[in-house]
Amino acid sequence: MLQDILRFFIDNIEPDDWETTALNWLLTAVVVAVLCAGLTFAYKALRKTTASHIEQKVWSRGQTWLSFFIGLFPIFFILLIVWYVTRDFINYIQVGGLVKGTFLAWVLYLLVMIFGHLISPWRRELI
């Protein structure tokens, strides 16, 4: 089961240790997504606490969703840089795995952001 999941994220399975490389890529995507979600939450909290007027502390639904989607760009660029500087990722993961890992990180990021807003006092800004 795990081998099938790992196989989805890698294009070249010729080397003997392809499972390790695929697992490292999967963990990289998860860590980057969770870190970017945390940084987006921290940015929003900072903006809300430093706001001088009550109108600036309440975000509209559009502002909230815009902050979600702005957070997708750093995920792509961080994963692209990590993929590019790691030789095993370029040789084994290849471009198809980069795209699949990026989409996984984006979906995970959006799920963390939505869940985080649902359990926080900001849930009204989501709906």
N, C-alpha and C. Protein backbone atom coordinates (compact mmCIF):
# COMPACT_ATOMS: atom_id res chain seq x y z
N MET A 1 0.82 -1.19 0.00
CA MET A 1 0.00 0.00 0.00
C MET A 1 0.88 1.27 0.00
N LEU A 2 1.82 1.36 0.94
CA LEU A 2 2.70 2.52 1.01
C LEU A 2 3.56 2.62 -0.25
N GLN A 3 3.99 1.47 -0.75
CA GLN A 3 4.82 1.48 -1.95
C GLN A 3 4.04 2.01 -3.15
N ASP A 4 2.75 1.73 -3.23
CA ASP A 4 1.94 2.26 -4.32
C ASP A 4 1.77 3.77 -4.21
N ILE A 5 1.60 4.26 -2.99
CA ILE A 5 1.49 5.70 -2.78
C ILE A 5 2.80 6.39 -3.15
N LEU A 6 3.91 5.81 -2.71
CA LEU A 6 5.22 6.39 -3.04
C LEU A 6 5.48 6.34 -4.54
N ARG A 7 5.05 5.29 -5.18
CA ARG A 7 5.25 5.13 -6.62
C ARG A 7 4.54 6.23 -7.40
N PHE A 8 3.43 6.73 -6.86
CA PHE A 8 2.68 7.79 -7.52
C PHE A 8 3.49 9.09 -7.60
N PHE A 9 4.37 9.32 -6.62
CA PHE A 9 5.11 10.58 -6.53
C PHE A 9 6.48 10.53 -7.16
N ILE A 10 6.82 9.47 -7.86
CA ILE A 10 8.15 9.35 -8.45
C ILE A 10 8.00 8.83 -9.87
N ASP A 11 8.86 9.32 -10.75
CA ASP A 11 8.79 8.90 -12.15
C ASP A 11 9.82 7.85 -12.52
N ASN A 12 10.95 7.79 -11.81
CA ASN A 12 12.03 6.87 -12.16
C ASN A 12 12.22 5.89 -11.00
N ILE A 13 11.83 4.63 -11.19
CA ILE A 13 11.97 3.62 -10.13
C ILE A 13 13.09 2.64 -10.43
N GLU A 14 13.99 3.00 -11.32
CA GLU A 14 15.10 2.12 -11.66
C GLU A 14 16.10 1.90 -10.53
N PRO A 15 16.47 2.94 -9.76
CA PRO A 15 17.44 2.70 -8.68
C PRO A 15 16.82 1.86 -7.56
N ASP A 16 17.70 1.23 -6.79
CA ASP A 16 17.23 0.34 -5.73
C ASP A 16 16.58 1.09 -4.56
N ASP A 17 17.02 2.29 -4.30
CA ASP A 17 16.51 3.03 -3.14
C ASP A 17 15.49 4.10 -3.52
N TRP A 18 14.67 3.85 -4.52
CA TRP A 18 13.70 4.85 -4.97
C TRP A 18 12.64 5.12 -3.90
N GLU A 19 12.35 4.12 -3.04
CA GLU A 19 11.34 4.32 -1.99
C GLU A 19 11.79 5.41 -1.01
N THR A 20 13.06 5.42 -0.67
CA THR A 20 13.58 6.43 0.25
C THR A 20 13.47 7.82 -0.35
N THR A 21 13.83 7.95 -1.62
CA THR A 21 13.74 9.24 -2.28
C THR A 21 12.29 9.71 -2.37
N ALA A 22 11.38 8.82 -2.71
CA ALA A 22 9.96 9.18 -2.81
C ALA A 22 9.41 9.56 -1.44
N LEU A 23 9.78 8.84 -0.40
CA LEU A 23 9.32 9.18 0.95
C LEU A 23 9.86 10.53 1.38
N ASN A 24 11.13 10.81 1.07
CA ASN A 24 11.71 12.12 1.39
C ASN A 24 10.97 13.24 0.66
N TRP A 25 10.60 13.01 -0.58
CA TRP A 25 9.87 14.02 -1.34
C TRP A 25 8.47 14.23 -0.75
N LEU A 26 7.82 13.16 -0.38
CA LEU A 26 6.49 13.26 0.23
C LEU A 26 6.55 14.01 1.56
N LEU A 27 7.53 13.70 2.38
CA LEU A 27 7.69 14.39 3.66
C LEU A 27 8.06 15.86 3.46
N THR A 28 8.85 16.15 2.44
CA THR A 28 9.19 17.54 2.13
C THR A 28 7.93 18.32 1.77
N ALA A 29 7.08 17.75 0.95
CA ALA A 29 5.84 18.43 0.55
C ALA A 29 4.94 18.68 1.76
N VAL A 30 4.84 17.71 2.65
CA VAL A 30 3.99 17.85 3.84
C VAL A 30 4.55 18.93 4.76
N VAL A 31 5.84 18.90 5.00
CA VAL A 31 6.46 19.88 5.91
C VAL A 31 6.33 21.29 5.35
N VAL A 32 6.57 21.46 4.07
CA VAL A 32 6.47 22.79 3.46
C VAL A 32 5.03 23.29 3.55
N ALA A 33 4.05 22.44 3.29
CA ALA A 33 2.65 22.85 3.36
C ALA A 33 2.25 23.27 4.77
N VAL A 34 2.64 22.51 5.76
CA VAL A 34 2.28 22.83 7.14
C VAL A 34 3.01 24.09 7.61
N LEU A 35 4.28 24.25 7.25
CA LEU A 35 5.01 25.46 7.62
C LEU A 35 4.42 26.71 6.97
N CYS A 36 4.06 26.61 5.71
CA CYS A 36 3.45 27.77 5.05
C CYS A 36 2.09 28.10 5.65
N ALA A 37 1.33 27.09 6.03
CA ALA A 37 0.05 27.35 6.69
C ALA A 37 0.27 28.05 8.03
N GLY A 38 1.25 27.60 8.78
CA GLY A 38 1.57 28.24 10.05
C GLY A 38 2.02 29.68 9.88
N LEU A 39 2.84 29.93 8.87
CA LEU A 39 3.29 31.29 8.60
C LEU A 39 2.14 32.19 8.15
N THR A 40 1.21 31.63 7.39
CA THR A 40 0.05 32.42 6.96
C THR A 40 -0.83 32.76 8.15
N PHE A 41 -1.03 31.79 9.05
CA PHE A 41 -1.78 32.07 10.28
C PHE A 41 -1.07 33.13 11.11
N ALA A 42 0.24 33.02 11.23
CA ALA A 42 0.99 34.00 12.02
C ALA A 42 0.91 35.39 11.40
N TYR A 43 0.98 35.48 10.09
CA TYR A 43 0.85 36.77 9.42
C TYR A 43 -0.52 37.38 9.67
N LYS A 44 -1.56 36.56 9.56
CA LYS A 44 -2.91 37.06 9.79
C LYS A 44 -3.08 37.52 11.24
N ALA A 45 -2.57 36.75 12.17
CA ALA A 45 -2.67 37.13 13.59
C ALA A 45 -1.91 38.42 13.86
N LEU A 46 -0.75 38.57 13.25
CA LEU A 46 0.03 39.79 13.42
C LEU A 46 -0.70 41.00 12.86
N ARG A 47 -1.26 40.85 11.68
CA ARG A 47 -2.02 41.95 11.07
C ARG A 47 -3.23 42.33 11.91
N LYS A 48 -3.90 41.33 12.48
CA LYS A 48 -5.07 41.62 13.30
C LYS A 48 -4.70 42.27 14.63
N THR A 49 -3.63 41.86 15.24
CA THR A 49 -3.26 42.42 16.54
C THR A 49 -2.66 43.81 16.41
N THR A 50 -2.04 44.11 15.29
CA THR A 50 -1.44 45.43 15.12
C THR A 50 -2.40 46.42 14.46
N ALA A 51 -3.60 46.00 14.13
CA ALA A 51 -4.57 46.91 13.50
C ALA A 51 -4.99 47.99 14.49
N SER A 52 -5.07 49.20 13.99
CA SER A 52 -5.41 50.31 14.87
C SER A 52 -6.92 50.52 15.01
N HIS A 53 -7.69 50.09 14.02
CA HIS A 53 -9.15 50.25 14.06
C HIS A 53 -9.82 48.89 14.07
N ILE A 54 -11.01 48.85 14.64
CA ILE A 54 -11.76 47.59 14.70
C ILE A 54 -12.12 47.09 13.30
N GLU A 55 -12.30 48.01 12.35
CA GLU A 55 -12.65 47.60 10.98
C GLU A 55 -11.50 46.82 10.33
N GLN A 56 -10.28 47.14 10.73
CA GLN A 56 -9.11 46.45 10.16
C GLN A 56 -8.89 45.10 10.82
N LYS A 57 -9.46 44.89 11.99
CA LYS A 57 -9.30 43.60 12.67
C LYS A 57 -10.24 42.54 12.14
N VAL A 58 -11.33 42.97 11.54
CA VAL A 58 -12.29 42.02 10.97
C VAL A 58 -12.01 41.91 9.48
N TRP A 59 -11.70 40.71 9.05
CA TRP A 59 -11.40 40.47 7.64
C TRP A 59 -12.65 39.98 6.93
N SER A 60 -12.83 40.37 5.70
CA SER A 60 -13.95 39.88 4.91
C SER A 60 -13.64 38.46 4.42
N ARG A 61 -14.64 37.82 3.91
CA ARG A 61 -14.46 36.48 3.35
C ARG A 61 -13.47 36.53 2.19
N GLY A 62 -13.56 37.57 1.38
CA GLY A 62 -12.66 37.71 0.25
C GLY A 62 -11.21 37.89 0.67
N GLN A 63 -10.97 38.68 1.72
CA GLN A 63 -9.61 38.86 2.22
C GLN A 63 -9.06 37.54 2.76
N THR A 64 -9.91 36.79 3.45
CA THR A 64 -9.47 35.52 4.02
C THR A 64 -9.10 34.54 2.92
N TRP A 65 -9.95 34.38 1.92
CA TRP A 65 -9.66 33.45 0.83
C TRP A 65 -8.48 33.93 0.00
N LEU A 66 -8.33 35.24 -0.14
CA LEU A 66 -7.17 35.77 -0.86
C LEU A 66 -5.88 35.42 -0.13
N SER A 67 -5.89 35.50 1.20
CA SER A 67 -4.70 35.12 1.96
C SER A 67 -4.39 33.64 1.79
N PHE A 68 -5.44 32.81 1.67
CA PHE A 68 -5.23 31.38 1.42
C PHE A 68 -4.49 31.19 0.10
N PHE A 69 -4.97 31.83 -0.94
CA PHE A 69 -4.42 31.60 -2.27
C PHE A 69 -3.06 32.25 -2.47
N ILE A 70 -2.79 33.33 -1.77
CA ILE A 70 -1.45 33.93 -1.84
C ILE A 70 -0.43 32.98 -1.23
N GLY A 71 -0.84 32.20 -0.24
CA GLY A 71 0.06 31.23 0.38
C GLY A 71 0.44 30.07 -0.52
N LEU A 72 -0.26 29.88 -1.63
CA LEU A 72 0.08 28.80 -2.56
C LEU A 72 1.38 29.07 -3.31
N PHE A 73 1.67 30.33 -3.58
CA PHE A 73 2.87 30.67 -4.36
C PHE A 73 4.16 30.32 -3.63
N PRO A 74 4.31 30.66 -2.34
CA PRO A 74 5.55 30.26 -1.67
C PRO A 74 5.75 28.75 -1.62
N ILE A 75 4.66 28.02 -1.51
CA ILE A 75 4.77 26.56 -1.50
C ILE A 75 5.40 26.08 -2.80
N PHE A 76 4.90 26.58 -3.91
CA PHE A 76 5.45 26.18 -5.20
C PHE A 76 6.92 26.53 -5.32
N PHE A 77 7.28 27.76 -4.95
CA PHE A 77 8.66 28.20 -5.11
C PHE A 77 9.61 27.46 -4.16
N ILE A 78 9.19 27.20 -2.95
CA ILE A 78 10.03 26.45 -2.01
C ILE A 78 10.25 25.03 -2.51
N LEU A 79 9.16 24.38 -2.94
CA LEU A 79 9.30 23.01 -3.45
C LEU A 79 10.15 22.97 -4.72
N LEU A 80 10.00 23.97 -5.56
CA LEU A 80 10.81 24.03 -6.78
C LEU A 80 12.28 24.16 -6.45
N ILE A 81 12.62 25.01 -5.49
CA ILE A 81 14.02 25.19 -5.09
C ILE A 81 14.58 23.92 -4.47
N VAL A 82 13.81 23.30 -3.56
CA VAL A 82 14.28 22.06 -2.93
C VAL A 82 14.45 20.97 -3.97
N TRP A 83 13.51 20.85 -4.88
CA TRP A 83 13.58 19.85 -5.95
C TRP A 83 14.81 20.10 -6.83
N TYR A 84 15.07 21.36 -7.13
CA TYR A 84 16.17 21.69 -8.04
C TYR A 84 17.54 21.48 -7.41
N VAL A 85 17.69 21.77 -6.13
CA VAL A 85 19.01 21.66 -5.51
C VAL A 85 19.33 20.25 -5.02
N THR A 86 18.36 19.36 -5.01
CA THR A 86 18.58 17.98 -4.57
C THR A 86 18.67 17.08 -5.79
N ARG A 87 19.84 16.53 -6.02
CA ARG A 87 20.08 15.75 -7.23
C ARG A 87 19.17 14.52 -7.34
N ASP A 88 18.93 13.84 -6.24
CA ASP A 88 18.05 12.67 -6.28
C ASP A 88 16.63 13.05 -6.69
N PHE A 89 16.16 14.22 -6.25
CA PHE A 89 14.82 14.64 -6.63
C PHE A 89 14.74 14.91 -8.13
N ILE A 90 15.76 15.54 -8.68
CA ILE A 90 15.75 15.80 -10.12
C ILE A 90 15.82 14.50 -10.91
N ASN A 91 16.69 13.57 -10.49
CA ASN A 91 16.89 12.34 -11.25
C ASN A 91 15.76 11.33 -11.09
N TYR A 92 15.17 11.22 -9.90
CA TYR A 92 14.18 10.18 -9.65
C TYR A 92 12.75 10.73 -9.61
N ILE A 93 12.55 11.85 -8.95
CA ILE A 93 11.21 12.42 -8.85
C ILE A 93 10.80 12.99 -10.20
N GLN A 94 11.67 13.70 -10.82
CA GLN A 94 11.52 14.33 -12.13
C GLN A 94 10.35 15.33 -12.12
N VAL A 95 10.00 15.84 -13.26
CA VAL A 95 9.01 16.92 -13.34
C VAL A 95 7.61 16.43 -12.95
N GLY A 96 7.26 15.21 -13.33
CA GLY A 96 5.94 14.68 -12.97
C GLY A 96 5.75 14.58 -11.47
N GLY A 97 6.78 14.14 -10.77
CA GLY A 97 6.72 14.06 -9.32
C GLY A 97 6.69 15.43 -8.67
N LEU A 98 7.39 16.40 -9.30
CA LEU A 98 7.35 17.77 -8.79
C LEU A 98 5.92 18.31 -8.85
N VAL A 99 5.25 18.09 -9.95
CA VAL A 99 3.87 18.57 -10.10
C VAL A 99 2.94 17.87 -9.11
N LYS A 100 3.07 16.57 -8.98
CA LYS A 100 2.21 15.82 -8.06
C LYS A 100 2.46 16.20 -6.61
N GLY A 101 3.73 16.38 -6.25
CA GLY A 101 4.06 16.80 -4.89
C GLY A 101 3.56 18.20 -4.59
N THR A 102 3.63 19.08 -5.57
CA THR A 102 3.14 20.44 -5.39
C THR A 102 1.63 20.45 -5.20
N PHE A 103 0.92 19.68 -5.98
CA PHE A 103 -0.54 19.61 -5.81
C PHE A 103 -0.91 19.02 -4.46
N LEU A 104 -0.18 18.00 -4.03
CA LEU A 104 -0.43 17.44 -2.70
C LEU A 104 -0.20 18.49 -1.62
N ALA A 105 0.89 19.24 -1.73
CA ALA A 105 1.18 20.28 -0.73
C ALA A 105 0.11 21.36 -0.76
N TRP A 106 -0.37 21.74 -1.93
CA TRP A 106 -1.42 22.75 -2.02
C TRP A 106 -2.71 22.27 -1.37
N VAL A 107 -3.10 21.04 -1.64
CA VAL A 107 -4.33 20.51 -1.04
C VAL A 107 -4.20 20.42 0.47
N LEU A 108 -3.07 19.93 0.93
CA LEU A 108 -2.84 19.83 2.37
C LEU A 108 -2.84 21.21 3.02
N TYR A 109 -2.19 22.17 2.40
CA TYR A 109 -2.17 23.54 2.90
C TYR A 109 -3.58 24.10 3.02
N LEU A 110 -4.39 23.94 1.97
CA LEU A 110 -5.76 24.45 2.01
C LEU A 110 -6.59 23.76 3.09
N LEU A 111 -6.41 22.45 3.26
CA LEU A 111 -7.13 21.73 4.31
C LEU A 111 -6.72 22.22 5.70
N VAL A 112 -5.43 22.44 5.91
CA VAL A 112 -4.95 22.94 7.21
C VAL A 112 -5.50 24.35 7.45
N MET A 113 -5.50 25.18 6.44
CA MET A 113 -6.00 26.55 6.60
C MET A 113 -7.50 26.55 6.90
N ILE A 114 -8.27 25.75 6.19
CA ILE A 114 -9.72 25.70 6.42
C ILE A 114 -10.00 25.14 7.81
N PHE A 115 -9.35 24.04 8.16
CA PHE A 115 -9.57 23.44 9.48
C PHE A 115 -9.13 24.40 10.58
N GLY A 116 -8.01 25.06 10.38
CA GLY A 116 -7.52 26.02 11.38
C GLY A 116 -8.49 27.17 11.58
N HIS A 117 -9.09 27.64 10.51
CA HIS A 117 -10.07 28.71 10.65
C HIS A 117 -11.36 28.21 11.31
N LEU A 118 -11.73 26.97 11.03
CA LEU A 118 -12.95 26.43 11.63
C LEU A 118 -12.84 26.27 13.14
N ILE A 119 -11.64 25.99 13.64
CA ILE A 119 -11.49 25.81 15.09
C ILE A 119 -11.02 27.08 15.80
N SER A 120 -10.78 28.14 15.03
CA SER A 120 -10.30 29.38 15.63
C SER A 120 -11.46 30.38 15.76
N PRO A 121 -11.22 31.47 16.43
CA PRO A 121 -12.26 32.52 16.50
C PRO A 121 -12.52 33.19 15.15
N TRP A 122 -11.72 32.88 14.13
CA TRP A 122 -11.87 33.48 12.81
C TRP A 122 -12.82 32.71 11.90
N ARG A 123 -13.56 31.75 12.44
CA ARG A 123 -14.39 30.89 11.60
C ARG A 123 -15.45 31.67 10.85
N ARG A 124 -15.90 32.79 11.37
CA ARG A 124 -16.93 33.58 10.69
C ARG A 124 -16.38 34.28 9.46
N GLU A 125 -15.08 34.45 9.39
CA GLU A 125 -14.47 35.07 8.22
C GLU A 125 -14.34 34.08 7.06
N LEU A 126 -14.57 32.82 7.34
CA LEU A 126 -14.41 31.78 6.33
C LEU A 126 -15.69 31.58 5.53
N ILE A 127 -16.82 31.69 6.19
CA ILE A 127 -18.10 31.34 5.53
C ILE A 127 -18.82 32.59 5.09
